[in-house]
Amino acid sequence: MKISQITFTRFVAAMAIVISHFNKDLFLYKIDYISNLFLRANVGVSYFFILSGFIMIIAYHKKDKIDYLEFYKNRFARIYPLYMLGLLLYFMTRYEMFDWYKLVLYGLGIQSWIPGEAMILNFPGWSISVEFFFYLLFPFLYNYFYAKKNKMIWVFAIVLWLITQVFSNLYPVYGAYEGPHTKSHEFLYYFPFWHLNEFLIGNLAGIFFVRNYKQKNYDRQVIAVFLLILVSLMFVPLFYHNGLMALLFIPAILLISANNGRISRLFSLKPLEYLGEISYGIYITHIPVLYLVREFLKWQEYTFSIDIVFVIYIIVMLFSSAVFYQFIEKPMRDLLRKIHFSKQ
């Protein structure tokens, strides 16, 4: 089952994160309430985690059992080449940051497990570290719970979601949180266990979808949920980073996936679908590409306004992400997937 229209939403989430990491002097931050969308754009990563759980079920729901090694090989082929490319691009302008200890943590994808190290090197990689955790668990979850229709996983996922929301809101209240750029901040925001609820909720949404899938025109409902998401981020000051927005993201994912109206036809257009396809490259390389653009402009002694620099950066980033997708991500994925593990 391929759901073309959901792919473009990955691009929207990725671009929100890109804008949030660019510069707070950008014109978008000077617009009341609109600025809140990008100040809270880390919720885009939450969307990625939920959608990842959803897509995993869509991709594997017809299998009786998942082969562990084949699954790990395919996920490695999907994300690791660009994950390391982002690191290489990062070192092109931040070579003085080279450190063997950090390189090992980043290379193994375990940086997010160590508060104080989650944001090392190419810092968007913290979320890929969390994804590694999800991928490690998924074959077990599928083989022993999802494939066997064990309803205990539903109870566990919902309870975990509730525990995570309570913890996320009480942790700062009781004085344990010391503010941004501290170990307590990284523990609250980036520790993989606090994001597990998002992946599990996404899995359950996928199961619900494949069992109840029915195409219908949901354009109005999609617009309504989208507006609720915007209003929530603009006006409601809650902690959205660890899964709270699943309350709106799940309906959005389900409605868009089942929709056969104009919105889905728009999102399924090949250029928009392609933007969704390159969104992983956008996300994992956008910081090193930003550093490279800034260094080039500095070297050429260009003195553009911050808004003009932003336009140049977006053009370069989209072009480079397309190049990475065509000549690195796809070829490496296809090459690595041809490797087969012999079974004795």
Protein backbone atom coordinates (compact mmCIF):
# COMPACT_ATOMS: atom_id res chain seq x y z
CA MET A 1 0.00 0.00 0.00
CA LYS A 2 1.45 3.33 -1.05
CA ILE A 3 -0.06 6.56 0.23
CA SER A 4 1.37 9.21 -2.08
CA GLN A 5 -0.50 12.16 -0.58
CA ILE A 6 0.99 11.74 2.90
CA THR A 7 4.56 12.04 1.56
CA PHE A 8 4.29 15.78 0.91
CA THR A 9 3.45 16.43 4.58
CA ARG A 10 6.97 15.32 5.48
CA PHE A 11 8.28 18.23 3.42
CA VAL A 12 6.01 20.70 5.26
CA ALA A 13 7.28 19.48 8.65
CA ALA A 14 10.90 19.52 7.47
CA MET A 15 10.63 23.09 6.17
CA ALA A 16 9.13 24.31 9.45
CA ILE A 17 12.19 22.91 11.24
CA VAL A 18 14.55 24.43 8.67
CA ILE A 19 13.03 27.88 9.18
CA SER A 20 13.23 27.52 12.96
CA HIS A 21 16.97 26.85 12.73
CA PHE A 22 17.79 29.65 10.31
CA ASN A 23 17.79 33.00 12.09
CA LYS A 24 15.35 34.61 14.48
CA ASP A 25 15.80 37.93 12.63
CA LEU A 26 13.98 36.47 9.62
CA PHE A 27 10.84 38.35 8.58
CA LEU A 28 8.64 35.39 9.58
CA TYR A 29 9.56 35.99 13.22
CA LYS A 30 8.35 39.58 13.04
CA ILE A 31 4.75 38.53 12.37
CA ASP A 32 2.70 38.16 15.55
CA TYR A 33 1.56 34.59 16.24
CA ILE A 34 3.08 33.30 13.01
CA SER A 35 6.42 33.44 14.81
CA ASN A 36 5.08 30.96 17.36
CA LEU A 37 4.73 28.35 14.63
CA PHE A 38 8.48 28.36 14.08
CA LEU A 39 9.45 28.87 17.71
CA ARG A 40 7.61 25.60 18.34
CA ALA A 41 8.68 23.96 15.09
CA ASN A 42 10.40 21.17 17.01
CA VAL A 43 6.93 19.65 16.96
CA GLY A 44 7.76 18.76 13.37
CA VAL A 45 10.10 16.07 14.71
CA SER A 46 7.21 14.72 16.77
CA TYR A 47 5.24 14.49 13.53
CA PHE A 48 8.11 12.56 11.91
CA PHE A 49 8.14 10.05 14.76
CA ILE A 50 4.38 9.49 14.64
CA LEU A 51 4.36 9.24 10.85
CA SER A 52 7.30 6.84 10.99
CA GLY A 53 5.29 4.50 13.23
CA PHE A 54 2.30 4.78 10.90
CA ILE A 55 4.32 4.07 7.74
CA MET A 56 6.03 1.05 9.32
CA ILE A 57 2.66 -0.64 9.72
CA ILE A 58 1.54 0.35 6.22
CA ALA A 59 4.72 -1.15 4.79
CA TYR A 60 4.67 -4.44 6.72
CA HIS A 61 1.05 -5.12 7.65
CA LYS A 62 0.62 -7.98 5.17
CA LYS A 63 3.55 -9.95 6.57
CA ASP A 64 3.05 -12.76 9.04
CA LYS A 65 6.49 -12.16 10.50
CA ILE A 66 9.34 -9.71 10.01
CA ASP A 67 12.85 -11.05 9.52
CA TYR A 68 15.05 -9.11 11.92
CA LEU A 69 18.23 -8.95 9.84
CA GLU A 70 16.42 -8.06 6.62
CA PHE A 71 14.49 -5.32 8.40
CA TYR A 72 17.59 -3.82 10.01
CA LYS A 73 19.45 -3.96 6.70
CA ASN A 74 16.65 -2.15 4.88
CA ARG A 75 16.33 0.57 7.51
CA PHE A 76 20.11 0.99 7.61
CA ALA A 77 20.11 1.38 3.82
CA ARG A 78 17.31 3.92 4.05
CA ILE A 79 18.76 6.35 6.55
CA TYR A 80 22.44 5.74 7.30
CA PRO A 81 24.16 6.98 4.09
CA LEU A 82 22.65 10.49 4.33
CA TYR A 83 23.06 10.44 8.11
CA MET A 84 26.83 10.14 7.61
CA LEU A 85 26.81 12.52 4.64
CA GLY A 86 25.37 15.18 6.94
CA LEU A 87 28.31 14.59 9.26
CA LEU A 88 30.87 14.91 6.44
CA LEU A 89 29.29 18.17 5.27
CA TYR A 90 29.31 19.41 8.86
CA PHE A 91 33.05 18.82 9.16
CA MET A 92 33.67 20.88 6.01
CA THR A 93 33.04 24.05 8.02
CA ARG A 94 33.40 22.73 11.59
CA TYR A 95 36.53 20.59 11.26
CA GLU A 96 37.80 21.89 14.59
CA MET A 97 34.89 20.05 16.21
CA PHE A 98 36.32 16.67 15.22
CA ASP A 99 36.43 14.42 18.26
CA TRP A 100 36.79 10.62 18.25
CA TYR A 101 34.49 10.14 21.23
CA LYS A 102 31.72 12.20 19.67
CA LEU A 103 32.31 10.56 16.29
CA VAL A 104 31.77 7.11 17.82
CA LEU A 105 28.57 8.23 19.59
CA TYR A 106 27.23 9.81 16.41
CA GLY A 107 28.30 6.91 14.20
CA LEU A 108 26.59 4.37 16.44
CA GLY A 109 23.52 6.57 16.76
CA ILE A 110 23.52 6.53 20.56
CA GLN A 111 24.12 10.22 21.29
CA SER A 112 20.57 10.93 22.41
CA TRP A 113 20.86 8.37 25.21
CA ILE A 114 23.49 10.50 26.93
CA PRO A 115 22.22 13.86 28.23
CA GLY A 116 24.82 16.43 27.32
CA GLU A 117 25.80 14.64 24.10
CA ALA A 118 22.51 14.58 22.16
CA MET A 119 23.35 17.67 20.10
CA ILE A 120 26.91 16.76 19.18
CA LEU A 121 28.25 17.41 15.69
CA ASN A 122 25.44 17.60 13.08
CA PHE A 123 22.80 18.17 15.74
CA PRO A 124 19.64 17.19 13.77
CA GLY A 125 21.11 13.70 14.05
CA TRP A 126 19.70 13.47 17.58
CA SER A 127 16.34 12.44 16.08
CA ILE A 128 17.93 9.76 13.90
CA SER A 129 19.38 8.35 17.11
CA VAL A 130 15.81 8.07 18.38
CA GLU A 131 14.68 6.47 15.12
CA PHE A 132 17.39 3.81 15.55
CA PHE A 133 15.73 2.95 18.86
CA PHE A 134 12.35 2.61 17.16
CA TYR A 135 13.76 0.42 14.41
CA LEU A 136 15.48 -1.81 16.94
CA LEU A 137 12.14 -2.47 18.64
CA PHE A 138 9.77 -2.67 15.69
CA PRO A 139 10.37 -6.26 14.48
CA PHE A 140 9.82 -7.52 18.04
CA LEU A 141 6.68 -5.43 18.46
CA TYR A 142 5.32 -6.58 15.13
CA ASN A 143 6.09 -10.28 15.55
CA TYR A 144 4.82 -10.61 19.11
CA PHE A 145 2.07 -8.00 19.34
CA TYR A 146 0.84 -6.54 16.05
CA ALA A 147 0.86 -9.71 13.94
CA LYS A 148 -0.78 -11.67 16.75
CA LYS A 149 -3.33 -8.93 17.42
CA ASN A 150 -2.28 -8.73 21.04
CA LYS A 151 -4.35 -5.88 22.49
CA MET A 152 -1.98 -5.37 25.42
CA ILE A 153 0.19 -3.19 23.20
CA TRP A 154 -2.74 -0.78 22.86
CA VAL A 155 -2.97 -0.45 26.62
CA PHE A 156 0.79 -0.05 26.96
CA ALA A 157 0.98 2.63 24.24
CA ILE A 158 -1.85 4.70 25.69
CA VAL A 159 -0.53 4.42 29.26
CA LEU A 160 2.97 5.34 28.08
CA TRP A 161 1.58 8.35 26.25
CA LEU A 162 -0.21 9.52 29.40
CA ILE A 163 2.88 8.96 31.59
CA THR A 164 5.03 10.89 29.12
CA GLN A 165 2.66 13.86 29.08
CA VAL A 166 2.50 13.97 32.89
CA PHE A 167 6.27 13.69 33.21
CA SER A 168 6.98 16.30 30.52
CA ASN A 169 4.83 18.87 32.30
CA LEU A 170 5.81 18.05 35.90
CA TYR A 171 9.57 17.77 35.30
CA PRO A 172 10.04 21.55 34.91
CA VAL A 173 7.55 22.38 37.67
CA TYR A 174 9.46 20.52 40.38
CA GLY A 175 12.76 22.24 39.67
CA ALA A 176 14.57 19.46 37.84
CA TYR A 177 14.67 21.44 34.59
CA GLU A 178 17.60 23.88 34.43
CA GLY A 179 16.86 25.53 31.08
CA PRO A 180 18.11 25.32 27.48
CA HIS A 181 21.58 23.93 26.69
CA THR A 182 21.72 21.87 29.91
CA LYS A 183 21.70 18.13 30.49
CA SER A 184 18.23 18.40 31.99
CA HIS A 185 17.01 20.01 28.76
CA GLU A 186 18.45 17.22 26.65
CA PHE A 187 16.95 14.60 28.95
CA LEU A 188 13.50 16.18 28.68
CA TYR A 189 13.58 16.91 24.95
CA TYR A 190 15.82 14.32 23.30
CA PHE A 191 15.99 11.18 25.47
CA PRO A 192 14.66 8.38 23.21
CA PHE A 193 12.34 6.75 25.75
CA TRP A 194 10.22 9.91 26.01
CA HIS A 195 9.51 9.67 22.27
CA LEU A 196 8.60 5.99 22.20
CA ASN A 197 4.94 6.85 22.79
CA GLU A 198 4.87 8.76 19.50
CA PHE A 199 6.13 5.81 17.48
CA LEU A 200 3.74 3.39 19.21
CA ILE A 201 0.77 5.69 18.71
CA GLY A 202 1.75 5.91 15.06
CA ASN A 203 1.84 2.10 14.89
CA LEU A 204 -1.63 1.86 16.36
CA ALA A 205 -2.93 4.47 13.93
CA GLY A 206 -1.49 2.37 11.11
CA ILE A 207 -3.25 -0.75 12.38
CA PHE A 208 -6.52 1.14 12.68
CA PHE A 209 -6.08 2.49 9.16
CA VAL A 210 -5.39 -0.83 7.40
CA ARG A 211 -8.32 -2.47 9.20
CA ASN A 212 -10.80 0.34 8.54
CA TYR A 213 -9.50 1.92 5.34
CA LYS A 214 -12.26 3.51 3.28
CA GLN A 215 -11.68 6.25 0.72
CA LYS A 216 -13.86 9.30 1.00
CA ASN A 217 -13.71 13.04 0.42
CA TYR A 218 -12.36 14.40 3.69
CA ASP A 219 -11.20 17.79 2.39
CA ARG A 220 -13.19 19.79 4.93
CA GLN A 221 -12.06 17.62 7.82
CA VAL A 222 -8.42 17.87 6.72
CA ILE A 223 -8.65 21.66 6.57
CA ALA A 224 -10.35 21.76 9.98
CA VAL A 225 -7.62 19.62 11.61
CA PHE A 226 -4.89 21.63 9.91
CA LEU A 227 -6.37 24.87 11.26
CA LEU A 228 -6.61 23.33 14.73
CA ILE A 229 -2.90 22.46 14.55
CA LEU A 230 -2.02 26.02 13.53
CA VAL A 231 -4.23 27.58 16.23
CA SER A 232 -2.80 25.27 18.90
CA LEU A 233 0.79 26.14 18.04
CA MET A 234 0.10 29.86 17.67
CA PHE A 235 -2.04 30.45 20.75
CA VAL A 236 -1.83 27.56 23.24
CA PRO A 237 1.45 27.50 25.23
CA LEU A 238 1.72 23.79 26.02
CA PHE A 239 4.65 21.34 25.88
CA TYR A 240 4.19 19.74 22.47
CA HIS A 241 7.58 18.10 21.97
CA ASN A 242 6.95 14.60 23.37
CA GLY A 243 3.72 13.47 21.77
CA LEU A 244 0.92 15.76 22.91
CA MET A 245 0.19 16.77 19.32
CA ALA A 246 -0.64 13.15 18.52
CA LEU A 247 -4.17 14.24 19.43
CA LEU A 248 -4.21 16.27 16.20
CA PHE A 249 -1.46 14.63 14.13
CA ILE A 250 -3.14 11.22 14.17
CA PRO A 251 -6.47 12.54 12.82
CA ALA A 252 -4.54 14.54 10.21
CA ILE A 253 -2.57 11.48 9.06
CA LEU A 254 -5.64 9.25 8.94
CA LEU A 255 -7.80 11.78 7.13
CA ILE A 256 -5.16 12.69 4.55
CA SER A 257 -4.35 9.02 3.95
CA ALA A 258 -8.00 8.06 3.40
CA ASN A 259 -8.96 11.22 1.52
CA ASN A 260 -9.73 11.14 -2.20
CA GLY A 261 -10.64 14.80 -2.48
CA ARG A 262 -8.86 17.77 -4.02
CA ILE A 263 -6.30 18.09 -1.24
CA SER A 264 -5.08 14.54 -1.78
CA ARG A 265 -4.96 15.03 -5.54
CA LEU A 266 -2.91 18.17 -4.97
CA PHE A 267 -0.54 16.51 -2.51
CA SER A 268 -0.14 13.54 -4.90
CA LEU A 269 1.18 15.71 -7.72
CA LYS A 270 4.61 14.39 -8.69
CA PRO A 271 6.54 17.61 -7.88
CA LEU A 272 5.01 17.80 -4.40
CA GLU A 273 5.46 14.09 -3.78
CA TYR A 274 9.10 14.48 -4.85
CA LEU A 275 9.60 17.26 -2.29
CA GLY A 276 8.36 14.80 0.32
CA GLU A 277 10.78 12.17 -0.97
CA ILE A 278 13.78 14.47 -0.51
CA SER A 279 12.58 15.71 2.89
CA TYR A 280 14.91 13.38 4.81
CA GLY A 281 17.86 14.89 2.98
CA ILE A 282 16.50 18.35 3.71
CA TYR A 283 16.25 17.59 7.40
CA ILE A 284 19.55 15.79 7.98
CA THR A 285 21.73 18.11 5.86
CA HIS A 286 20.06 21.50 6.38
CA ILE A 287 22.42 22.64 9.14
CA PRO A 288 25.72 21.81 7.37
CA VAL A 289 24.32 23.25 4.12
CA LEU A 290 23.42 26.44 6.01
CA TYR A 291 26.97 26.64 7.38
CA LEU A 292 28.40 26.13 3.87
CA VAL A 293 26.17 28.85 2.39
CA ARG A 294 27.19 31.28 5.13
CA GLU A 295 30.88 30.51 4.63
CA PHE A 296 30.60 30.97 0.87
CA LEU A 297 28.84 34.34 1.20
CA LYS A 298 31.41 35.43 3.76
CA TRP A 299 34.26 34.31 1.50
CA GLN A 300 32.77 36.23 -1.45
CA GLU A 301 32.15 39.22 0.86
CA TYR A 302 28.48 39.41 -0.08
CA THR A 303 26.42 41.55 2.27
CA PHE A 304 22.83 40.59 1.58
CA SER A 305 19.97 41.19 3.98
CA ILE A 306 19.00 38.24 6.15
CA ASP A 307 15.85 37.69 4.08
CA ILE A 308 17.82 37.49 0.81
CA VAL A 309 20.26 35.07 2.42
CA PHE A 310 17.29 32.95 3.44
CA VAL A 311 16.03 32.75 -0.15
CA ILE A 312 19.52 31.81 -1.42
CA TYR A 313 19.81 29.20 1.32
CA ILE A 314 16.44 27.61 0.53
CA ILE A 315 17.27 27.36 -3.18
CA VAL A 316 20.67 25.80 -2.46
CA MET A 317 19.24 23.44 0.14
CA LEU A 318 16.44 22.17 -2.10
CA PHE A 319 18.80 21.68 -5.02
CA SER A 320 21.45 19.92 -2.92
CA SER A 321 18.83 17.70 -1.25
CA ALA A 322 17.55 16.63 -4.67
CA VAL A 323 21.13 15.84 -5.75
CA PHE A 324 21.74 13.87 -2.55
CA TYR A 325 18.51 11.95 -3.08
CA GLN A 326 19.23 11.08 -6.70
CA PHE A 327 22.93 10.28 -6.48
CA ILE A 328 23.49 9.12 -2.90
CA GLU A 329 20.31 8.16 -1.06
CA LYS A 330 18.60 6.13 -3.81
CA PRO A 331 21.72 4.39 -5.24
CA MET A 332 23.08 3.50 -1.79
CA ARG A 333 19.67 2.27 -0.65
CA ASP A 334 19.32 0.06 -3.71
CA LEU A 335 22.88 -1.22 -3.39
CA LEU A 336 22.66 -2.09 0.30
CA ARG A 337 19.27 -3.76 -0.12
CA LYS A 338 20.79 -6.20 -2.60
CA ILE A 339 22.84 -7.69 0.21
CA HIS A 340 21.20 -10.90 1.43
CA PHE A 341 21.95 -12.75 4.61
CA SER A 342 22.22 -16.49 4.13
CA LYS A 343 20.10 -18.62 6.44
CA GLN A 344 21.64 -21.83 7.71
